[in-house]
Each structure stands twice: as C-alpha cells, then as structure tokens.
C-alpha cells in the first residue's frame, strides 16, 4: 500500500517536472503529456533547421563569400518568413536586388525595416503569395537572397 502511494507520488513529481520543462500550463496528466509531445516535435523541427543551416554553411564555405562581413538569416514563421540581412558596410542597390528576388519567389513583403546609412540592415517579414501552389521553405528563400547578393556583388564589381 505504501509502495503504491510512493509510486503515485513519484509519478506526480515527474509529471510536474515535465510540465515545468515544457512550459505547460496543463493540469491533468494527458494534457501535460500532449504538451510535452508538441514540445518535442518543436525541438525536432528546430534541430532540423539548425542542421540545414550547418549544411548550408559548410557548402557555402566551399564557395567564397561574395561579401565578407555579410550575414543572411531566414526563419520560417507560421505564414511566411522572417528575413534578416546584415552587412558591415553600406550597399547601395542591394535592397532592390533582394526585393527582386522576393518577387521572383512570389513572396509579398508584409513588413520591413531597412537601414542603408553606414551599414546595410534589412529585416523583413515575407508571406507566400496565395496563388502559389507549391510551398517555399526557408532554405529556398535563403538561397534566393544569397544569389541576389552574389548577382548584386558581381554587378557592382563591373562598375
């Protein structure tokens, strides 16, 4: 009898620990476990994105960076993408090239913040065009932005 109560108390303690780790606000066992399962799936998704970023970084190390000091980050949102482009120096004309890449992908810019003074900084939220049947992932968006930067870099070197 004592052993059974001890097991029940231990299970309750473990569920409360699971609840706190997963930031669950659920009160019953089933809901705590469902929240934990969702949390694990979210972690798996984040690991997959990080692995893709590592693979991209490794493949891009095979090709010299068209602009040292430039960073491109793309994060998938519920509907669309958060795109960040940062450069240590000003890049006249780069914004136009990136926006043209968005247009080619069929991304609508829903919100954007841009600074082109001493450096170049773009933070944009792009959403899929509803007419597009195929789904675009963050990796495709990132590759398109990097290609736009390479094209822009090549055109500025010719000037």
N, C-alpha and C. Protein backbone atom coordinates (compact mmCIF):
# COMPACT_ATOMS: atom_id res chain seq x y z
N UNK A 1 0.83 -1.19 0.00
CA UNK A 1 0.00 0.00 0.00
C UNK A 1 0.87 1.25 0.00
N UNK A 2 1.90 1.25 0.85
CA UNK A 2 2.81 2.39 0.92
C UNK A 2 3.58 2.52 -0.39
N UNK A 3 3.96 1.37 -0.97
CA UNK A 3 4.70 1.36 -2.23
C UNK A 3 3.87 1.98 -3.35
N UNK A 4 2.59 1.65 -3.38
CA UNK A 4 1.71 2.20 -4.41
C UNK A 4 1.59 3.71 -4.27
N UNK A 5 1.43 4.21 -3.07
CA UNK A 5 1.36 5.66 -2.84
C UNK A 5 2.68 6.32 -3.18
N UNK A 6 3.78 5.63 -2.89
CA UNK A 6 5.10 6.15 -3.21
C UNK A 6 5.27 6.29 -4.73
N UNK A 7 4.83 5.27 -5.48
CA UNK A 7 4.91 5.30 -6.94
C UNK A 7 4.03 6.41 -7.51
N UNK A 8 2.85 6.58 -6.93
CA UNK A 8 1.94 7.62 -7.39
C UNK A 8 2.54 9.01 -7.14
N UNK A 9 3.15 9.19 -5.99
CA UNK A 9 3.80 10.47 -5.67
C UNK A 9 4.99 10.73 -6.59
N UNK A 10 5.75 9.68 -6.88
CA UNK A 10 6.90 9.82 -7.78
C UNK A 10 6.44 10.17 -9.20
N UNK A 11 5.36 9.54 -9.65
CA UNK A 11 4.82 9.85 -10.97
C UNK A 11 4.34 11.30 -11.02
N UNK A 12 3.64 11.72 -9.98
CA UNK A 12 3.15 13.11 -9.92
C UNK A 12 4.32 14.10 -9.97
N UNK A 13 5.38 13.78 -9.24
CA UNK A 13 6.56 14.65 -9.23
C UNK A 13 7.20 14.73 -10.62
N UNK A 14 7.28 13.59 -11.29
CA UNK A 14 7.87 13.56 -12.63
C UNK A 14 7.00 14.32 -13.63
N UNK A 15 5.69 14.19 -13.50
CA UNK A 15 4.80 14.94 -14.39
C UNK A 15 4.92 16.45 -14.16
N UNK A 16 5.08 16.86 -12.91
CA UNK A 16 5.24 18.28 -12.62
C UNK A 16 6.57 18.79 -13.19
N UNK A 17 7.60 17.96 -13.12
CA UNK A 17 8.89 18.33 -13.70
C UNK A 17 8.76 18.46 -15.21
N UNK A 18 8.09 17.50 -15.84
CA UNK A 18 7.84 17.55 -17.29
C UNK A 18 7.03 18.80 -17.65
N UNK A 19 6.05 19.09 -16.85
CA UNK A 19 5.21 20.27 -17.06
C UNK A 19 6.04 21.55 -17.02
N UNK A 20 6.95 21.65 -16.06
CA UNK A 20 7.76 22.87 -15.94
C UNK A 20 8.79 22.96 -17.07
N UNK A 21 9.37 21.84 -17.48
CA UNK A 21 10.37 21.85 -18.56
C UNK A 21 9.73 22.28 -19.88
N UNK A 22 8.51 21.85 -20.14
CA UNK A 22 7.86 22.13 -21.41
C UNK A 22 7.00 23.41 -21.36
N UNK A 23 7.06 24.12 -20.25
CA UNK A 23 6.27 25.35 -20.07
C UNK A 23 4.78 25.10 -20.29
N UNK A 24 4.33 23.95 -19.85
CA UNK A 24 2.92 23.59 -19.99
C UNK A 24 2.11 24.21 -18.85
N UNK A 25 0.91 24.62 -19.19
CA UNK A 25 0.00 25.14 -18.16
C UNK A 25 -1.13 24.14 -17.89
N UNK A 26 -0.98 22.94 -18.43
CA UNK A 26 -1.99 21.91 -18.27
C UNK A 26 -2.04 21.42 -16.82
N UNK A 27 -3.20 20.92 -16.44
CA UNK A 27 -3.38 20.45 -15.08
C UNK A 27 -3.51 18.93 -14.99
N UNK A 28 -4.00 18.28 -16.05
CA UNK A 28 -4.14 16.84 -15.95
C UNK A 28 -3.03 16.12 -16.71
N UNK A 29 -2.85 14.83 -16.39
CA UNK A 29 -1.75 14.03 -16.94
C UNK A 29 -1.75 14.01 -18.47
N UNK A 30 -2.88 13.75 -19.05
CA UNK A 30 -2.96 13.63 -20.51
C UNK A 30 -2.54 14.92 -21.19
N UNK A 31 -3.02 16.04 -20.72
CA UNK A 31 -2.68 17.33 -21.32
C UNK A 31 -1.20 17.65 -21.16
N UNK A 32 -0.62 17.28 -20.02
CA UNK A 32 0.81 17.51 -19.80
C UNK A 32 1.61 16.68 -20.82
N UNK A 33 1.21 15.45 -21.03
CA UNK A 33 1.91 14.58 -21.97
C UNK A 33 1.74 15.06 -23.41
N UNK A 34 0.54 15.53 -23.75
CA UNK A 34 0.31 16.09 -25.10
C UNK A 34 1.19 17.33 -25.31
N UNK A 35 1.24 18.21 -24.30
CA UNK A 35 2.09 19.40 -24.41
C UNK A 35 3.56 19.02 -24.54
N UNK A 36 3.98 18.00 -23.82
CA UNK A 36 5.37 17.54 -23.91
C UNK A 36 5.66 16.99 -25.30
N UNK A 37 4.71 16.27 -25.87
CA UNK A 37 4.87 15.73 -27.21
C UNK A 37 5.00 16.86 -28.24
N UNK A 38 4.18 17.89 -28.11
CA UNK A 38 4.27 19.05 -29.01
C UNK A 38 5.62 19.75 -28.84
N UNK A 39 6.07 19.85 -27.62
CA UNK A 39 7.36 20.48 -27.32
C UNK A 39 8.50 19.70 -27.99
N UNK A 40 8.43 18.39 -27.91
CA UNK A 40 9.46 17.54 -28.53
C UNK A 40 9.45 17.72 -30.05
N UNK A 41 8.26 17.76 -30.65
CA UNK A 41 8.16 17.97 -32.10
C UNK A 41 8.75 19.33 -32.49
N UNK A 42 8.50 20.35 -31.70
CA UNK A 42 9.06 21.69 -31.96
C UNK A 42 10.59 21.65 -31.87
N UNK A 43 11.10 20.94 -30.87
CA UNK A 43 12.57 20.80 -30.75
C UNK A 43 13.15 20.06 -31.95
N UNK A 44 12.46 19.01 -32.41
CA UNK A 44 12.93 18.28 -33.59
C UNK A 44 12.97 19.20 -34.80
N UNK A 45 11.95 20.03 -34.96
CA UNK A 45 11.90 20.97 -36.08
C UNK A 45 13.07 21.95 -36.01
N UNK A 46 13.36 22.44 -34.80
CA UNK A 46 14.48 23.38 -34.63
C UNK A 46 15.82 22.71 -34.93
N UNK A 47 15.97 21.46 -34.52
CA UNK A 47 17.20 20.72 -34.81
C UNK A 47 17.36 20.55 -36.32
N UNK A 48 16.26 20.24 -37.00
CA UNK A 48 16.31 20.08 -38.46
C UNK A 48 16.74 21.39 -39.13
N UNK A 49 16.20 22.50 -38.67
CA UNK A 49 16.57 23.81 -39.23
C UNK A 49 18.04 24.09 -38.98
N UNK A 50 18.50 23.81 -37.77
CA UNK A 50 19.92 24.03 -37.46
C UNK A 50 20.82 23.14 -38.31
N UNK A 51 20.42 21.90 -38.51
CA UNK A 51 21.20 21.00 -39.37
C UNK A 51 21.26 21.53 -40.81
N UNK A 52 20.14 22.08 -41.29
CA UNK A 52 20.12 22.67 -42.63
C UNK A 52 21.06 23.87 -42.69
N UNK A 53 21.04 24.69 -41.64
CA UNK A 53 21.93 25.86 -41.59
C UNK A 53 23.39 25.44 -41.58
N UNK A 54 23.70 24.37 -40.84
CA UNK A 54 25.08 23.86 -40.80
C UNK A 54 25.48 23.36 -42.18
N UNK A 55 24.59 22.62 -42.83
CA UNK A 55 24.89 22.11 -44.18
C UNK A 55 25.10 23.25 -45.15
N UNK A 56 24.28 24.28 -45.04
CA UNK A 56 24.42 25.46 -45.91
C UNK A 56 25.74 26.16 -45.64
N UNK A 57 26.09 26.30 -44.38
CA UNK A 57 27.35 26.96 -44.02
C UNK A 57 28.53 26.16 -44.55
N UNK A 58 28.45 24.84 -44.46
CA UNK A 58 29.54 24.00 -44.95
C UNK A 58 29.64 24.07 -46.47
N UNK A 59 28.50 24.06 -47.16
CA UNK A 59 28.54 24.13 -48.62
C UNK A 59 28.96 25.51 -49.08
N UNK A 60 28.58 26.55 -48.33
CA UNK A 60 28.99 27.90 -48.73
C UNK A 60 30.46 28.14 -48.41
N UNK A 61 31.04 27.35 -47.50
CA UNK A 61 32.47 27.51 -47.23
C UNK A 61 33.29 26.98 -48.40
N UNK A 62 32.67 26.12 -49.22
CA UNK A 62 33.33 25.65 -50.44
C UNK A 62 33.40 26.77 -51.48
N UNK A 63 32.43 27.69 -51.42
CA UNK A 63 32.38 28.82 -52.33
C UNK A 63 32.71 30.07 -51.54
N UNK A 64 33.66 30.89 -52.00
CA UNK A 64 34.00 32.08 -51.23
C UNK A 64 32.79 33.01 -51.09
N UNK A 65 32.68 33.62 -49.93
CA UNK A 65 31.61 34.57 -49.65
C UNK A 65 31.75 35.77 -50.58
N UNK A 66 30.67 36.15 -51.29
CA UNK A 66 30.78 37.28 -52.20
C UNK A 66 31.06 38.59 -51.46
N UNK A 67 30.66 38.64 -50.19
CA UNK A 67 30.89 39.83 -49.39
C UNK A 67 31.23 39.42 -47.97
N UNK A 68 32.49 39.48 -47.58
CA UNK A 68 32.82 39.19 -46.18
C UNK A 68 32.09 40.18 -45.27
N UNK A 69 31.70 39.72 -44.09
CA UNK A 69 31.01 40.60 -43.15
C UNK A 69 29.52 40.69 -43.43
N UNK A 70 29.00 39.80 -44.26
CA UNK A 70 27.59 39.81 -44.60
C UNK A 70 26.92 38.58 -43.99
N UNK A 71 25.76 38.77 -43.41
CA UNK A 71 25.02 37.66 -42.81
C UNK A 71 23.63 37.61 -43.40
N UNK A 72 23.16 36.41 -43.71
CA UNK A 72 21.79 36.20 -44.18
C UNK A 72 21.16 35.15 -43.29
N UNK A 73 20.03 35.51 -42.67
CA UNK A 73 19.31 34.57 -41.81
C UNK A 73 17.85 34.55 -42.23
N UNK A 74 17.30 33.36 -42.39
CA UNK A 74 15.90 33.21 -42.76
C UNK A 74 15.27 32.24 -41.78
N UNK A 75 14.16 32.65 -41.21
CA UNK A 75 13.44 31.80 -40.24
C UNK A 75 12.01 31.64 -40.72
N UNK A 76 11.53 30.40 -40.73
CA UNK A 76 10.15 30.13 -41.12
C UNK A 76 9.21 30.57 -40.00
N UNK A 77 8.18 31.29 -40.37
CA UNK A 77 7.13 31.68 -39.44
C UNK A 77 5.89 30.86 -39.75
N UNK A 78 4.83 31.06 -38.98
CA UNK A 78 3.60 30.29 -39.22
C UNK A 78 3.12 30.47 -40.65
N UNK A 79 3.10 31.72 -41.11
CA UNK A 79 2.75 32.02 -42.51
C UNK A 79 3.78 32.98 -43.05
N UNK A 80 4.81 32.44 -43.69
CA UNK A 80 5.83 33.29 -44.29
C UNK A 80 7.19 33.10 -43.64
N UNK A 81 8.01 34.15 -43.75
CA UNK A 81 9.40 34.06 -43.31
C UNK A 81 9.85 35.38 -42.69
N UNK A 82 10.79 35.27 -41.74
CA UNK A 82 11.49 36.43 -41.21
C UNK A 82 12.87 36.40 -41.85
N UNK A 83 13.20 37.45 -42.58
CA UNK A 83 14.46 37.52 -43.32
C UNK A 83 15.30 38.65 -42.74
N UNK A 84 16.54 38.33 -42.34
CA UNK A 84 17.48 39.33 -41.84
C UNK A 84 18.73 39.31 -42.72
N UNK A 85 19.12 40.47 -43.20
CA UNK A 85 20.35 40.60 -43.97
C UNK A 85 21.15 41.72 -43.31
N UNK A 86 22.38 41.42 -42.92
CA UNK A 86 23.23 42.39 -42.23
C UNK A 86 24.58 42.48 -42.93
N UNK A 87 25.07 43.70 -43.12
CA UNK A 87 26.38 43.91 -43.70
C UNK A 87 27.09 45.01 -42.91
N UNK A 88 28.39 44.87 -42.78
CA UNK A 88 29.18 45.84 -42.03
C UNK A 88 29.34 47.15 -42.79
N UNK A 89 29.07 47.12 -44.11
CA UNK A 89 29.23 48.35 -44.89
C UNK A 89 27.96 48.66 -45.66
N UNK A 90 27.84 49.89 -46.11
CA UNK A 90 26.70 50.32 -46.90
C UNK A 90 26.71 49.62 -48.25
N UNK A 91 25.56 49.29 -48.76
CA UNK A 91 25.46 48.53 -50.00
C UNK A 91 24.42 49.15 -50.93
N UNK A 92 24.75 50.24 -51.61
CA UNK A 92 23.77 50.89 -52.49
C UNK A 92 23.27 49.94 -53.56
N UNK A 93 21.97 49.83 -53.70
CA UNK A 93 21.37 48.99 -54.72
C UNK A 93 21.06 47.57 -54.26
N UNK A 94 21.59 47.15 -53.13
CA UNK A 94 21.36 45.78 -52.66
C UNK A 94 19.90 45.53 -52.32
N UNK A 95 19.25 46.50 -51.73
CA UNK A 95 17.84 46.35 -51.35
C UNK A 95 16.99 46.00 -52.57
N UNK A 96 17.23 46.69 -53.67
CA UNK A 96 16.47 46.43 -54.90
C UNK A 96 16.68 45.00 -55.36
N UNK A 97 17.94 44.53 -55.32
CA UNK A 97 18.23 43.16 -55.75
C UNK A 97 17.51 42.13 -54.88
N UNK A 98 17.51 42.37 -53.58
CA UNK A 98 16.84 41.43 -52.66
C UNK A 98 15.33 41.45 -52.88
N UNK A 99 14.75 42.63 -53.05
CA UNK A 99 13.31 42.72 -53.29
C UNK A 99 12.92 42.06 -54.60
N UNK A 100 13.78 42.15 -55.62
CA UNK A 100 13.52 41.46 -56.88
C UNK A 100 13.53 39.94 -56.68
N UNK A 101 14.44 39.46 -55.81
CA UNK A 101 14.47 38.02 -55.50
C UNK A 101 13.18 37.60 -54.81
N UNK A 102 12.67 38.43 -53.90
CA UNK A 102 11.40 38.13 -53.23
C UNK A 102 10.29 38.01 -54.27
N UNK A 103 10.29 38.97 -55.22
CA UNK A 103 9.26 38.99 -56.24
C UNK A 103 9.31 37.73 -57.10
N UNK A 104 10.53 37.30 -57.46
CA UNK A 104 10.69 36.08 -58.26
C UNK A 104 10.16 34.85 -57.52
N UNK A 105 10.30 34.84 -56.20
CA UNK A 105 9.80 33.73 -55.40
C UNK A 105 8.29 33.82 -55.16
N UNK A 106 7.72 34.97 -55.45
CA UNK A 106 6.31 35.17 -55.18
C UNK A 106 6.04 35.53 -53.73
N UNK A 107 7.07 36.07 -53.03
CA UNK A 107 6.89 36.49 -51.64
C UNK A 107 6.42 37.93 -51.60
N UNK A 108 5.42 38.19 -50.80
CA UNK A 108 4.97 39.55 -50.57
C UNK A 108 5.65 40.06 -49.31
N UNK A 109 6.19 41.28 -49.36
CA UNK A 109 6.79 41.88 -48.16
C UNK A 109 5.65 42.45 -47.34
N UNK A 110 5.46 41.86 -46.17
CA UNK A 110 4.36 42.29 -45.29
C UNK A 110 4.80 43.41 -44.36
N UNK A 111 6.08 43.38 -44.00
CA UNK A 111 6.63 44.39 -43.09
C UNK A 111 8.14 44.41 -43.30
N UNK A 112 8.74 45.61 -43.26
CA UNK A 112 10.19 45.68 -43.45
C UNK A 112 10.78 46.86 -42.70
N UNK A 113 11.99 46.66 -42.21
CA UNK A 113 12.80 47.74 -41.62
C UNK A 113 14.14 47.70 -42.33
N UNK A 114 14.56 48.86 -42.84
CA UNK A 114 15.80 48.91 -43.61
C UNK A 114 16.64 50.08 -43.14
N UNK A 115 17.96 49.85 -43.06
CA UNK A 115 18.92 50.91 -42.77
C UNK A 115 20.04 50.77 -43.79
N UNK A 116 20.35 51.86 -44.48
CA UNK A 116 21.39 51.81 -45.52
C UNK A 116 22.43 52.91 -45.28
N UNK A 117 22.55 53.42 -44.07
CA UNK A 117 23.46 54.54 -43.80
C UNK A 117 24.91 54.06 -43.78
N UNK A 118 25.46 53.75 -42.63
CA UNK A 118 26.86 53.31 -42.51
C UNK A 118 27.01 51.82 -42.78
N UNK A 119 25.92 51.09 -42.61
CA UNK A 119 25.91 49.66 -42.86
C UNK A 119 24.62 49.33 -43.58
N UNK A 120 24.42 48.07 -43.91
CA UNK A 120 23.18 47.65 -44.54
C UNK A 120 22.48 46.69 -43.60
N UNK A 121 21.23 46.98 -43.30
CA UNK A 121 20.45 46.11 -42.42
C UNK A 121 19.03 46.04 -42.96
N UNK A 122 18.60 44.82 -43.20
CA UNK A 122 17.23 44.59 -43.67
C UNK A 122 16.60 43.54 -42.78
N UNK A 123 15.44 43.87 -42.24
CA UNK A 123 14.63 42.89 -41.52
C UNK A 123 13.26 42.94 -42.17
N UNK A 124 12.87 41.83 -42.77
CA UNK A 124 11.61 41.80 -43.50
C UNK A 124 10.81 40.57 -43.12
N UNK A 125 9.49 40.74 -43.16
CA UNK A 125 8.58 39.61 -42.99
C UNK A 125 7.91 39.42 -44.35
N UNK A 126 8.17 38.26 -44.94
CA UNK A 126 7.60 37.96 -46.25
C UNK A 126 6.61 36.83 -46.14
N UNK A 127 5.49 36.98 -46.86
CA UNK A 127 4.46 35.95 -46.85
C UNK A 127 4.31 35.35 -48.22
N UNK A 128 3.95 34.05 -48.26
CA UNK A 128 3.71 33.37 -49.53
C UNK A 128 2.56 34.04 -50.25
N UNK A 129 2.72 34.13 -51.55
CA UNK A 129 1.63 34.60 -52.39
C UNK A 129 0.57 33.50 -52.41
N UNK A 130 -0.67 33.83 -52.14
CA UNK A 130 -1.74 32.84 -52.03
C UNK A 130 -1.92 32.04 -53.33
N UNK A 131 -1.55 32.64 -54.48
CA UNK A 131 -1.75 31.98 -55.76
C UNK A 131 -0.76 30.85 -55.98
N UNK A 132 0.35 30.86 -55.26
CA UNK A 132 1.37 29.84 -55.48
C UNK A 132 0.95 28.52 -54.83
N UNK A 133 0.93 27.48 -55.62
CA UNK A 133 0.52 26.19 -55.10
C UNK A 133 1.65 25.53 -54.32
N UNK A 134 2.88 25.62 -54.85
CA UNK A 134 3.99 24.95 -54.17
C UNK A 134 4.41 25.75 -52.95
N UNK A 135 4.86 25.02 -51.98
CA UNK A 135 5.27 25.65 -50.72
C UNK A 135 6.77 25.95 -50.80
N UNK A 136 7.14 27.11 -50.32
CA UNK A 136 8.54 27.53 -50.31
C UNK A 136 9.05 27.35 -48.89
N UNK A 137 10.25 26.77 -48.75
CA UNK A 137 10.80 26.64 -47.41
C UNK A 137 11.89 27.70 -47.18
N UNK A 138 12.32 27.81 -45.93
CA UNK A 138 13.28 28.85 -45.54
C UNK A 138 14.59 28.71 -46.30
N UNK A 139 14.99 27.48 -46.59
CA UNK A 139 16.26 27.25 -47.29
C UNK A 139 16.20 27.85 -48.70
N UNK A 140 15.08 27.70 -49.39
CA UNK A 140 14.91 28.25 -50.74
C UNK A 140 14.98 29.77 -50.69
N UNK A 141 14.34 30.36 -49.70
CA UNK A 141 14.36 31.82 -49.55
C UNK A 141 15.79 32.29 -49.31
N UNK A 142 16.49 31.60 -48.41
CA UNK A 142 17.87 31.99 -48.10
C UNK A 142 18.76 31.89 -49.33
N UNK A 143 18.63 30.80 -50.09
CA UNK A 143 19.43 30.64 -51.30
C UNK A 143 19.14 31.74 -52.31
N UNK A 144 17.86 32.13 -52.43
CA UNK A 144 17.50 33.19 -53.37
C UNK A 144 18.10 34.53 -52.94
N UNK A 145 18.10 34.81 -51.64
CA UNK A 145 18.68 36.06 -51.14
C UNK A 145 20.19 36.06 -51.35
N UNK A 146 20.83 34.94 -51.04
CA UNK A 146 22.29 34.84 -51.24
C UNK A 146 22.64 35.00 -52.72
N UNK A 147 21.83 34.40 -53.60
CA UNK A 147 22.08 34.55 -55.04
C UNK A 147 21.89 36.00 -55.48
N UNK A 148 20.88 36.67 -54.92
CA UNK A 148 20.66 38.09 -55.25
C UNK A 148 21.86 38.92 -54.81
N UNK A 149 22.43 38.59 -53.66
CA UNK A 149 23.61 39.31 -53.17
C UNK A 149 24.81 39.06 -54.09
N UNK A 150 24.97 37.79 -54.51
CA UNK A 150 26.07 37.46 -55.43
C UNK A 150 25.92 38.22 -56.75
N UNK A 151 24.68 38.25 -57.28
CA UNK A 151 24.43 38.97 -58.52
C UNK A 151 24.71 40.46 -58.35
N UNK A 152 24.25 41.01 -57.23
CA UNK A 152 24.48 42.43 -56.95
C UNK A 152 25.98 42.70 -56.81
N UNK A 153 26.68 41.82 -56.09
CA UNK A 153 28.12 41.97 -55.88
C UNK A 153 28.85 41.93 -57.22
N UNK A 154 28.46 41.02 -58.10
CA UNK A 154 29.08 40.91 -59.41
C UNK A 154 28.83 42.14 -60.26
N UNK A 155 27.63 42.70 -60.16
CA UNK A 155 27.32 43.90 -60.96
C UNK A 155 28.03 45.13 -60.43
N UNK A 156 28.27 45.20 -59.12
CA UNK A 156 28.97 46.38 -58.58
C UNK A 156 30.46 46.33 -58.87
N UNK A 157 31.01 45.10 -59.02
CA UNK A 157 32.43 44.97 -59.35
C UNK A 157 32.69 45.41 -60.78
N UNK A 158 31.68 45.28 -61.67
CA UNK A 158 31.85 45.66 -63.06
C UNK A 158 31.79 47.17 -63.24
N UNK A 159 31.15 47.87 -62.29
CA UNK A 159 31.02 49.33 -62.40
C UNK A 159 32.32 50.04 -62.19
